[in-house]
Amino acid sequence: MDKVTIIGLDIAKQVFQVHGINQAGAIVCRRRLRRDDVVAFFKVLPPCLIRIEACATGHHWARVLMALGHEARLMPASYVKPYVKRQKNDATDAEAICEAVTRPTMRFVPVKSEEQQSVLMLHRVRELLIRQRTMLVNALRGHLAEFGIVTRQGVAGVGTLIALVEDGDQDVIPPLALSALLSLVGQLREVHEKVSEMDRQIHAWHRANELSRRLETIPGIGPITASAIAATVADASLFRSGRQLAAWIGLVPRQNSSGGKDRLGRISKQSPTSSRRWRAHAVLRFSKNRKTAPTRWAADLLAKKPYNVVAVALAKKMARIVWALMATGRRFEATGRL
């Protein structure tokens, strides 16, 4: 068999498809592997270029193959799809990966470390718990409203409802409804404690990470946002400028242009959820102080443009500052020019 130089690997839970080509582009290897046979197959294979779609478990398998001496890189699945020929199956998917990787303009996804994936998992679990907490609060408000009990929004209003349920006043809430609401309150307290524990773990990692601490110096970016960015953007050098980073995040209008006519829609928000916590609204709320460069710039722009337009513009500016700090290794100077 000719020497394999490039391999397209279509991964799944149990069945993996290998498609290998040589230096001339001729097919020299087509094979289906079970999950338990993947490591043994690539362990005896000479070092080569292996390309995988950036999908579930993609980062794990890339790290495994890199440990075996191969060069593994990830590609967005949407960039591979145009190269799939006719019917879709594992074999054609692996062949499409091999074909896509040879394109000179193809873009790749940097492989995340286990630490980065762990931090992102903390953020995603925290978001899930926050959504569950919101659902429980809304359920508690809705159920008590059926008995004419309505309080103001916010933490203070929820605290009043919880105190009313735990007080157990039979004249206000029927006994049967009270037993159901007590279970809601208990679950709400449990979820709130778990969110607080996630916050403590994220803050601990933030304090131990030098990049995350530098990102926190940017106005409007706190420990939660800084740690999410530090874990999401694995390598800032892959972006040629801060504008590219802002576009990758999705802070640009979605285009549907044709025939020389530009049709721009809403911002696309194409990046992972954890990297979209750009607290531009928080900066705008304090823009009247005009003490630092971003707030002074935002305050001047608010006098000319609508609030939402300024918020998006400020988020883009923050993204460019993030790229500059990550690329140069410097800290943000509040008195400097942005």
Protein backbone atom coordinates (compact mmCIF):
# COMPACT_ATOMS: atom_id res chain seq x y z
CA MET A 1 0.00 0.00 0.00
CA ASP A 2 1.29 3.50 -0.87
CA LYS A 3 2.17 5.79 1.96
CA VAL A 4 -0.86 7.59 3.38
CA THR A 5 -0.29 11.32 3.73
CA ILE A 6 -3.79 12.66 4.45
CA ILE A 7 -6.66 10.91 6.21
CA GLY A 8 -10.23 12.05 6.49
CA LEU A 9 -11.78 10.55 9.63
CA ASP A 10 -15.54 10.53 10.06
CA ILE A 11 -16.18 9.99 13.76
CA ALA A 12 -19.28 8.69 15.54
CA LYS A 13 -20.19 6.84 18.73
CA GLN A 14 -19.24 3.33 17.63
CA VAL A 15 -18.42 3.23 13.89
CA PHE A 16 -15.58 5.32 12.39
CA GLN A 17 -14.79 5.68 8.68
CA VAL A 18 -11.24 6.19 7.41
CA HIS A 19 -10.46 7.63 3.98
CA GLY A 20 -6.75 7.98 3.16
CA ILE A 21 -4.98 9.43 0.14
CA ASN A 22 -1.32 9.62 -0.90
CA GLN A 23 0.79 12.57 -1.99
CA ALA A 24 -0.70 12.42 -5.51
CA GLY A 25 -4.27 12.44 -4.21
CA ALA A 26 -4.99 8.81 -5.09
CA ILE A 27 -7.12 6.77 -2.71
CA VAL A 28 -4.98 4.21 -0.87
CA CYS A 29 -7.09 3.41 2.18
CA ARG A 30 -10.80 2.98 2.82
CA ARG A 31 -11.73 1.27 6.02
CA ARG A 32 -14.46 1.12 8.63
CA LEU A 33 -13.31 0.89 12.25
CA ARG A 34 -15.07 0.06 15.48
CA ARG A 35 -14.48 2.40 18.37
CA ASP A 36 -12.16 -0.03 20.19
CA ASP A 37 -9.98 -0.44 17.07
CA VAL A 38 -9.30 3.24 16.34
CA VAL A 39 -6.26 3.68 18.60
CA ALA A 40 -4.68 0.41 17.50
CA PHE A 41 -5.10 1.32 13.81
CA PHE A 42 -3.49 4.75 14.06
CA LYS A 43 -0.80 3.58 16.47
CA VAL A 44 0.93 1.48 13.78
CA LEU A 45 0.29 4.03 11.01
CA PRO A 46 3.20 6.36 10.06
CA PRO A 47 2.65 9.99 11.11
CA CYS A 48 0.27 11.71 8.72
CA LEU A 49 -2.25 14.55 8.49
CA ILE A 50 -5.63 13.61 9.98
CA ARG A 51 -8.65 15.83 9.55
CA ILE A 52 -11.84 15.55 11.58
CA GLU A 53 -15.10 17.48 11.63
CA ALA A 54 -15.40 19.80 14.64
CA CYS A 55 -18.40 18.00 16.11
CA ALA A 56 -19.13 16.12 19.33
CA THR A 57 -16.03 14.30 20.72
CA GLY A 58 -13.92 15.87 17.95
CA HIS A 59 -11.52 17.59 20.37
CA HIS A 60 -11.07 14.37 22.34
CA TRP A 61 -10.11 12.30 19.29
CA ALA A 62 -7.84 15.05 18.02
CA ARG A 63 -5.93 14.99 21.32
CA VAL A 64 -5.72 11.18 21.20
CA LEU A 65 -4.34 11.18 17.65
CA MET A 66 -1.87 13.97 18.40
CA ALA A 67 -0.57 11.93 21.33
CA LEU A 68 0.12 9.10 18.85
CA GLY A 69 2.36 11.40 16.78
CA HIS A 70 -0.09 12.45 14.06
CA GLU A 71 -1.07 15.99 13.08
CA ALA A 72 -4.78 16.29 13.78
CA ARG A 73 -6.87 19.32 12.90
CA LEU A 74 -10.57 20.08 13.10
CA MET A 75 -12.77 21.63 10.43
CA PRO A 76 -16.26 23.14 10.81
CA ALA A 77 -18.84 20.64 9.59
CA SER A 78 -20.58 23.35 7.54
CA TYR A 79 -17.37 23.84 5.52
CA VAL A 80 -17.18 20.12 4.72
CA LYS A 81 -20.80 19.69 3.60
CA PRO A 82 -20.36 21.25 0.10
CA TYR A 83 -17.85 18.50 -0.76
CA VAL A 84 -20.23 15.61 -0.04
CA LYS A 85 -21.10 13.85 -3.33
CA ARG A 86 -24.70 12.84 -3.87
CA GLN A 87 -25.82 10.30 -1.24
CA LYS A 88 -24.70 10.93 2.31
CA ASN A 89 -23.06 8.13 4.28
CA ASP A 90 -19.97 7.60 6.40
CA ALA A 91 -17.75 6.78 3.43
CA THR A 92 -18.72 9.88 1.44
CA ASP A 93 -18.40 12.03 4.56
CA ALA A 94 -14.82 10.81 5.13
CA GLU A 95 -14.04 11.40 1.45
CA ALA A 96 -15.49 14.92 1.66
CA ILE A 97 -13.27 15.67 4.66
CA CYS A 98 -10.22 14.56 2.63
CA GLU A 99 -11.31 16.74 -0.29
CA ALA A 100 -12.06 19.80 1.83
CA VAL A 101 -8.74 19.75 3.65
CA THR A 102 -6.81 20.17 0.40
CA ARG A 103 -8.44 23.55 -0.30
CA PRO A 104 -5.95 26.41 0.27
CA THR A 105 -8.59 28.68 1.81
CA MET A 106 -9.95 26.11 4.28
CA ARG A 107 -10.23 27.28 7.89
CA PHE A 108 -9.57 25.08 10.88
CA VAL A 109 -10.70 24.94 14.49
CA PRO A 110 -7.92 24.92 17.13
CA VAL A 111 -7.95 21.85 19.35
CA LYS A 112 -9.01 22.68 22.89
CA SER A 113 -7.25 21.24 25.90
CA GLU A 114 -9.02 19.26 28.60
CA GLU A 115 -8.76 22.27 30.91
CA GLN A 116 -10.44 24.57 28.41
CA GLN A 117 -13.25 22.10 27.79
CA SER A 118 -13.70 21.67 31.54
CA VAL A 119 -14.10 25.42 32.06
CA LEU A 120 -16.58 25.64 29.18
CA MET A 121 -18.50 22.74 30.70
CA LEU A 122 -18.75 24.69 33.96
CA HIS A 123 -20.22 27.62 32.03
CA ARG A 124 -22.72 25.46 30.14
CA VAL A 125 -23.89 23.63 33.25
CA ARG A 126 -24.23 26.99 35.00
CA GLU A 127 -26.37 28.30 32.13
CA LEU A 128 -28.56 25.20 32.29
CA LEU A 129 -29.06 25.63 36.04
CA ILE A 130 -29.88 29.32 35.60
CA ARG A 131 -32.52 28.43 33.00
CA GLN A 132 -33.97 25.86 35.41
CA ARG A 133 -33.98 28.44 38.21
CA THR A 134 -35.83 30.89 35.98
CA MET A 135 -38.40 28.22 35.13
CA LEU A 136 -38.96 27.46 38.81
CA VAL A 137 -39.35 31.14 39.69
CA ASN A 138 -41.85 31.65 36.87
CA ALA A 139 -43.79 28.57 37.94
CA LEU A 140 -43.91 29.79 41.55
CA ARG A 141 -45.13 33.23 40.48
CA GLY A 142 -47.75 31.78 38.15
CA HIS A 143 -49.16 29.33 40.69
CA LEU A 144 -49.40 31.92 43.47
CA ALA A 145 -51.03 34.39 41.11
CA GLU A 146 -53.95 31.95 40.86
CA PHE A 147 -54.65 32.70 44.52
CA GLY A 148 -54.33 36.45 44.07
CA ILE A 149 -50.75 36.68 45.35
CA VAL A 150 -48.62 38.93 43.14
CA THR A 151 -45.33 40.57 44.06
CA ARG A 152 -42.84 42.79 42.29
CA GLN A 153 -40.24 41.36 39.94
CA GLY A 154 -36.69 40.67 40.96
CA VAL A 155 -34.94 38.90 43.82
CA ALA A 156 -36.90 40.79 46.49
CA GLY A 157 -40.22 39.68 45.01
CA VAL A 158 -39.14 36.03 44.86
CA GLY A 159 -37.96 36.21 48.46
CA THR A 160 -41.38 37.46 49.51
CA LEU A 161 -43.11 34.57 47.74
CA ILE A 162 -40.77 31.99 49.27
CA ALA A 163 -41.31 33.41 52.75
CA LEU A 164 -45.09 33.31 52.22
CA VAL A 165 -45.01 29.66 51.13
CA GLU A 166 -42.72 28.55 53.94
CA ASP A 167 -44.81 30.45 56.48
CA GLY A 168 -47.67 28.10 55.63
CA ASP A 169 -50.57 30.48 56.21
CA GLN A 170 -53.65 28.31 55.60
CA ASP A 171 -55.87 31.34 55.10
CA VAL A 172 -53.92 32.41 52.00
CA ILE A 173 -52.79 29.15 50.36
CA PRO A 174 -54.86 25.93 50.49
CA PRO A 175 -53.09 22.96 52.15
CA LEU A 176 -53.04 20.86 48.99
CA ALA A 177 -51.48 23.67 46.93
CA LEU A 178 -49.04 24.43 49.76
CA SER A 179 -47.53 20.95 49.61
CA ALA A 180 -46.89 21.34 45.87
CA LEU A 181 -45.39 24.81 46.26
CA LEU A 182 -43.08 23.66 49.05
CA SER A 183 -41.49 21.15 46.66
CA LEU A 184 -40.93 23.97 44.16
CA VAL A 185 -39.30 26.14 46.81
CA GLY A 186 -37.05 23.28 47.90
CA GLN A 187 -35.92 22.63 44.35
CA LEU A 188 -35.40 26.37 43.80
CA ARG A 189 -33.10 26.57 46.81
CA GLU A 190 -31.15 23.52 45.64
CA VAL A 191 -30.63 24.91 42.14
CA HIS A 192 -29.59 28.28 43.56
CA GLU A 193 -26.95 26.60 45.74
CA LYS A 194 -25.60 24.71 42.72
CA VAL A 195 -25.34 27.92 40.69
CA SER A 196 -23.43 29.54 43.55
CA GLU A 197 -21.05 26.58 43.67
CA MET A 198 -20.46 26.86 39.91
CA ASP A 199 -19.73 30.57 40.35
CA ARG A 200 -17.14 29.80 43.03
CA GLN A 201 -15.38 27.26 40.80
CA ILE A 202 -15.34 29.64 37.82
CA HIS A 203 -13.96 32.48 39.96
CA ALA A 204 -11.27 30.16 41.36
CA TRP A 205 -10.14 29.20 37.84
CA HIS A 206 -10.26 32.85 36.78
CA ARG A 207 -7.93 33.89 39.62
CA ALA A 208 -5.47 31.13 38.64
CA ASN A 209 -5.45 32.00 34.92
CA GLU A 210 -3.23 34.89 33.84
CA LEU A 211 -5.05 35.52 30.53
CA SER A 212 -8.45 35.62 32.19
CA ARG A 213 -7.20 38.15 34.75
CA ARG A 214 -5.86 40.38 31.96
CA LEU A 215 -9.18 40.25 30.12
CA GLU A 216 -10.96 41.33 33.31
CA THR A 217 -9.17 44.70 33.12
CA ILE A 218 -11.37 45.63 30.12
CA PRO A 219 -14.39 47.71 31.23
CA GLY A 220 -17.57 45.67 31.00
CA ILE A 221 -15.84 42.27 31.24
CA GLY A 222 -15.96 40.48 34.59
CA PRO A 223 -14.66 37.11 35.80
CA ILE A 224 -17.50 35.12 34.17
CA THR A 225 -17.04 36.71 30.74
CA ALA A 226 -13.23 36.73 30.95
CA SER A 227 -13.02 33.05 31.84
CA ALA A 228 -15.46 32.12 29.06
CA ILE A 229 -13.44 34.03 26.46
CA ALA A 230 -10.12 32.61 27.69
CA ALA A 231 -11.48 29.07 27.41
CA THR A 232 -13.28 29.60 24.07
CA VAL A 233 -10.62 31.44 22.06
CA ALA A 234 -7.86 28.84 22.13
CA ASP A 235 -5.44 30.77 19.92
CA ALA A 236 -5.88 34.48 19.17
CA SER A 237 -3.11 34.36 16.53
CA LEU A 238 -5.53 32.55 14.20
CA PHE A 239 -7.32 35.88 13.74
CA ARG A 240 -5.46 38.48 11.68
CA SER A 241 -7.22 41.35 13.42
CA GLY A 242 -9.75 42.21 16.07
CA ARG A 243 -12.37 42.64 13.38
CA GLN A 244 -11.99 38.99 12.43
CA LEU A 245 -12.55 37.98 16.05
CA ALA A 246 -15.67 40.16 16.22
CA ALA A 247 -16.95 38.58 13.00
CA TRP A 248 -16.25 35.07 14.34
CA ILE A 249 -18.25 35.88 17.46
CA GLY A 250 -21.11 36.94 15.23
CA LEU A 251 -21.20 40.67 15.97
CA VAL A 252 -21.81 41.41 12.28
CA PRO A 253 -25.06 41.50 10.29
CA ARG A 254 -26.13 38.32 8.57
CA GLN A 255 -25.90 38.78 4.82
CA ASN A 256 -28.32 37.64 2.15
CA SER A 257 -26.87 39.62 -0.74
CA SER A 258 -27.09 38.83 -4.45
CA GLY A 259 -26.89 40.61 -7.79
CA GLY A 260 -24.92 43.51 -6.39
CA LYS A 261 -27.61 44.30 -3.82
CA ASP A 262 -26.53 44.23 -0.18
CA ARG A 263 -29.14 42.85 2.17
CA LEU A 264 -28.05 42.93 5.80
CA GLY A 265 -30.06 41.37 8.64
CA ARG A 266 -29.53 41.01 12.36
CA ILE A 267 -26.24 40.11 13.97
CA SER A 268 -25.63 36.41 13.49
CA LYS A 269 -24.22 35.37 16.92
CA GLN A 270 -22.48 32.41 15.34
CA SER A 271 -20.05 31.66 18.14
CA PRO A 272 -20.66 29.44 21.18
CA THR A 273 -23.08 30.89 23.71
CA SER A 274 -20.44 31.17 26.41
CA SER A 275 -18.39 33.66 24.36
CA ARG A 276 -21.31 36.02 23.67
CA ARG A 277 -21.47 37.58 27.14
CA TRP A 278 -20.26 40.93 25.94
CA ARG A 279 -21.53 43.26 28.65
CA ALA A 280 -21.93 46.27 26.38
CA HIS A 281 -25.22 47.19 28.07
CA ALA A 282 -23.48 47.30 31.46
CA VAL A 283 -20.87 49.69 30.08
CA LEU A 284 -23.56 51.89 28.54
CA ARG A 285 -25.41 52.16 31.85
CA PHE A 286 -22.33 53.78 33.37
CA SER A 287 -21.32 55.76 30.29
CA LYS A 288 -22.49 59.02 31.84
CA ASN A 289 -19.52 58.91 34.22
CA ARG A 290 -17.20 59.42 31.21
CA LYS A 291 -14.16 58.38 33.31
CA THR A 292 -12.58 55.86 30.93
CA ALA A 293 -12.04 55.74 27.20
CA PRO A 294 -14.78 53.23 26.29
CA THR A 295 -17.45 54.93 28.38
CA ARG A 296 -16.46 58.35 27.03
CA TRP A 297 -16.61 57.05 23.46
CA ALA A 298 -19.97 55.34 24.09
CA ALA A 299 -21.47 58.44 25.69
CA ASP A 300 -20.52 60.56 22.68
CA LEU A 301 -21.96 57.97 20.29
CA LEU A 302 -25.23 57.71 22.25
CA ALA A 303 -25.90 61.34 21.46
CA LYS A 304 -25.94 60.50 17.73
CA LYS A 305 -27.16 56.89 17.38
CA PRO A 306 -29.94 54.68 18.83
CA TYR A 307 -29.18 52.67 21.96
CA ASN A 308 -29.19 49.22 20.28
CA VAL A 309 -26.85 50.40 17.52
CA VAL A 310 -24.41 51.77 20.09
CA ALA A 311 -24.59 48.54 22.11
CA VAL A 312 -23.57 46.44 19.09
CA ALA A 313 -20.84 48.91 18.14
CA LEU A 314 -19.48 48.86 21.68
CA ALA A 315 -19.53 45.04 21.73
CA LYS A 316 -17.48 45.02 18.52
CA LYS A 317 -15.04 47.47 20.06
CA MET A 318 -14.71 45.27 23.15
CA ALA A 319 -14.01 42.28 20.91
CA ARG A 320 -11.21 44.19 19.17
CA ILE A 321 -9.73 45.12 22.55
CA VAL A 322 -9.91 41.46 23.62
CA TRP A 323 -7.99 40.41 20.52
CA ALA A 324 -5.34 43.09 21.11
CA LEU A 325 -4.77 41.98 24.69
CA MET A 326 -4.63 38.29 23.78
CA ALA A 327 -2.29 38.89 20.81
CA THR A 328 0.13 41.24 22.56
CA GLY A 329 0.03 39.92 26.14
CA ARG A 330 -0.60 43.37 27.57
CA ARG A 331 -3.17 44.65 30.05
CA PHE A 332 -5.84 47.21 29.28
CA GLU A 333 -4.97 50.81 30.15
CA ALA A 334 -8.12 52.68 31.09
CA THR A 335 -6.55 56.05 30.26
CA GLY A 336 -5.14 54.95 26.93
CA ARG A 337 -6.59 55.43 23.50
CA LEU A 338 -8.56 52.44 22.16
